[in-house]
N, C-alpha and C. Protein backbone atom coordinates (compact mmCIF):
# COMPACT_ATOMS: atom_id res chain seq x y z
N UNK A 1 271.03 -43.32 134.99
CA UNK A 1 270.85 -43.74 133.75
C UNK A 1 270.63 -42.92 132.95
N UNK A 2 270.79 -43.51 131.57
CA UNK A 2 271.04 -42.09 130.53
C UNK A 2 269.78 -42.58 129.44
N UNK A 3 268.75 -42.11 129.17
CA UNK A 3 267.77 -42.58 127.99
C UNK A 3 268.44 -41.60 126.79
N UNK A 4 267.63 -41.84 125.84
CA UNK A 4 268.08 -41.13 124.49
C UNK A 4 266.48 -41.35 123.53
N UNK A 5 265.93 -40.58 124.37
CA UNK A 5 264.72 -39.93 123.48
C UNK A 5 264.18 -40.32 121.98
N UNK A 6 265.11 -40.48 121.40
CA UNK A 6 264.65 -40.84 119.72
C UNK A 6 264.52 -42.28 119.79
N UNK A 7 265.48 -42.82 120.45
CA UNK A 7 265.57 -44.60 120.26
C UNK A 7 264.48 -45.02 121.34
N UNK A 8 264.75 -44.10 122.28
CA UNK A 8 264.07 -44.83 123.98
C UNK A 8 265.05 -46.00 124.40
N UNK A 9 266.21 -46.06 123.28
CA UNK A 9 267.28 -46.74 124.76
C UNK A 9 267.42 -45.92 126.07
N UNK A 10 267.89 -47.72 126.74
CA UNK A 10 268.05 -46.84 128.33
C UNK A 10 269.77 -47.01 128.70
N UNK A 11 270.75 -46.69 128.89
CA UNK A 11 272.19 -47.18 129.61
C UNK A 11 272.31 -46.54 131.13
N UNK A 12 272.77 -47.41 131.68
CA UNK A 12 272.67 -47.73 133.34
C UNK A 12 273.87 -47.49 133.69
N UNK A 13 274.23 -46.82 134.45
CA UNK A 13 275.83 -46.54 135.23
C UNK A 13 275.61 -47.05 136.23
N UNK A 14 276.90 -47.77 137.04
CA UNK A 14 276.92 -48.73 138.22
C UNK A 14 278.29 -48.33 139.28
N UNK A 15 278.34 -48.45 139.78
CA UNK A 15 279.46 -48.14 140.92
C UNK A 15 280.54 -48.92 140.31
N UNK A 16 281.77 -48.52 140.42
CA UNK A 16 283.03 -49.06 140.17
C UNK A 16 283.83 -49.06 138.82
N UNK A 17 282.61 -49.21 137.58
CA UNK A 17 283.40 -49.01 136.49
C UNK A 17 283.08 -47.92 136.12
N UNK A 18 282.35 -46.77 136.11
CA UNK A 18 281.65 -45.35 135.79
C UNK A 18 281.70 -44.43 137.11
N UNK A 19 281.26 -44.65 138.46
CA UNK A 19 280.99 -43.95 139.09
C UNK A 19 281.23 -44.59 140.37
N UNK A 20 282.16 -43.42 141.45
CA UNK A 20 282.38 -44.04 142.28
C UNK A 20 281.71 -44.39 143.43
N UNK A 21 280.38 -44.38 143.40
CA UNK A 21 279.28 -45.17 144.45
C UNK A 21 278.14 -44.87 143.68
N UNK A 22 277.00 -45.70 143.94
CA UNK A 22 275.61 -45.72 143.44
C UNK A 22 274.75 -44.51 143.89
N UNK A 23 275.14 -43.73 145.17
CA UNK A 23 274.36 -43.10 145.59
C UNK A 23 274.74 -41.65 145.12
N UNK A 24 273.88 -41.19 143.98
CA UNK A 24 274.03 -39.73 143.37
C UNK A 24 273.35 -38.74 143.59
N UNK A 25 273.93 -37.53 144.32
CA UNK A 25 273.48 -36.40 144.98
C UNK A 25 273.37 -35.47 144.35
N UNK A 26 274.41 -35.30 143.07
CA UNK A 26 274.33 -34.02 142.39
C UNK A 26 274.43 -34.19 141.39
N UNK A 27 274.30 -33.49 140.14
CA UNK A 27 274.98 -33.32 138.76
C UNK A 27 275.06 -32.47 138.12
N UNK A 28 276.02 -31.67 137.18
CA UNK A 28 276.43 -30.62 136.54
C UNK A 28 276.79 -30.94 135.02
N UNK A 29 276.04 -30.15 134.25
CA UNK A 29 276.51 -30.16 132.82
C UNK A 29 277.39 -29.21 132.51
N UNK A 30 278.34 -28.71 132.18
CA UNK A 30 279.16 -28.18 131.76
C UNK A 30 279.23 -28.63 130.00
N UNK A 31 278.90 -27.51 129.63
CA UNK A 31 278.79 -27.56 128.02
C UNK A 31 279.87 -26.54 127.38
N UNK A 32 280.90 -25.58 128.67
CA UNK A 32 281.47 -24.62 128.47
C UNK A 32 282.69 -25.75 127.40
N UNK A 33 283.27 -26.69 127.96
CA UNK A 33 284.27 -27.19 127.22
C UNK A 33 283.96 -28.37 125.98
N UNK A 34 284.95 -29.08 125.17
CA UNK A 34 284.63 -30.08 123.93
C UNK A 34 285.50 -30.93 124.51
N UNK A 35 284.52 -32.04 124.83
CA UNK A 35 283.58 -32.58 125.04
C UNK A 35 282.42 -31.77 126.05
N UNK A 36 281.16 -32.08 125.82
CA UNK A 36 280.45 -31.39 127.38
C UNK A 36 280.81 -32.38 128.20
N UNK A 37 281.18 -31.94 129.60
CA UNK A 37 281.61 -32.79 130.67
C UNK A 37 280.65 -32.79 131.77
N UNK A 38 280.18 -34.36 132.17
CA UNK A 38 278.94 -34.07 133.03
C UNK A 38 279.60 -34.76 134.51
N UNK A 39 279.56 -33.94 135.34
CA UNK A 39 280.20 -33.84 136.56
C UNK A 39 279.11 -34.53 137.59
N UNK A 40 279.59 -35.66 138.15
CA UNK A 40 278.40 -36.47 139.43
C UNK A 40 279.30 -36.49 140.23
N UNK A 41 278.13 -36.01 141.55
CA UNK A 41 278.84 -35.97 143.34
C UNK A 41 278.27 -36.88 143.79
N UNK A 42 278.65 -37.96 144.06
CA UNK A 42 278.32 -38.73 144.46
C UNK A 42 278.82 -39.09 146.37
N UNK A 43 278.53 -39.84 146.94
CA UNK A 43 278.81 -40.47 148.77
C UNK A 43 280.25 -40.67 148.80
N UNK A 44 280.67 -41.14 147.88
CA UNK A 44 282.23 -41.94 147.89
C UNK A 44 283.21 -40.95 147.10
N UNK A 45 283.06 -39.95 146.17
CA UNK A 45 283.64 -38.72 145.67
C UNK A 45 282.61 -38.77 144.34
N UNK A 46 283.56 -37.79 143.86
CA UNK A 46 283.18 -37.32 142.01
C UNK A 46 283.27 -37.89 141.28
N UNK A 47 282.58 -37.71 140.19
CA UNK A 47 283.00 -38.06 138.59
C UNK A 47 283.20 -37.45 137.67
N UNK A 48 284.07 -37.38 136.21
CA UNK A 48 283.31 -36.34 135.43
C UNK A 48 283.38 -37.34 134.24
N UNK A 49 282.09 -37.45 133.66
CA UNK A 49 281.99 -38.19 132.64
C UNK A 49 282.13 -37.03 130.99
N UNK A 50 283.23 -37.68 130.36
CA UNK A 50 283.24 -37.10 129.53
C UNK A 50 282.50 -37.39 127.99
N UNK A 51 282.74 -38.53 127.99
CA UNK A 51 282.23 -39.51 127.45
C UNK A 51 280.81 -40.22 127.39
N UNK A 52 279.59 -40.28 127.26
CA UNK A 52 278.43 -40.27 127.56
C UNK A 52 278.02 -41.77 126.98
N UNK A 53 277.29 -42.64 127.22
CA UNK A 53 276.97 -44.07 126.73
C UNK A 53 275.98 -43.96 125.77
């Protein structure tokens, strides 16, 4: 779930459209690239999110 502290808005990510699996066990934010990329490791594989909801 992404949370925007300025607005209080919450956006949920689910397996299928956004992630390979709902069971997330590791996150890594890479700010050395443009746009910043969030790497999400799940039980079914990894995803690289370049556009945050």
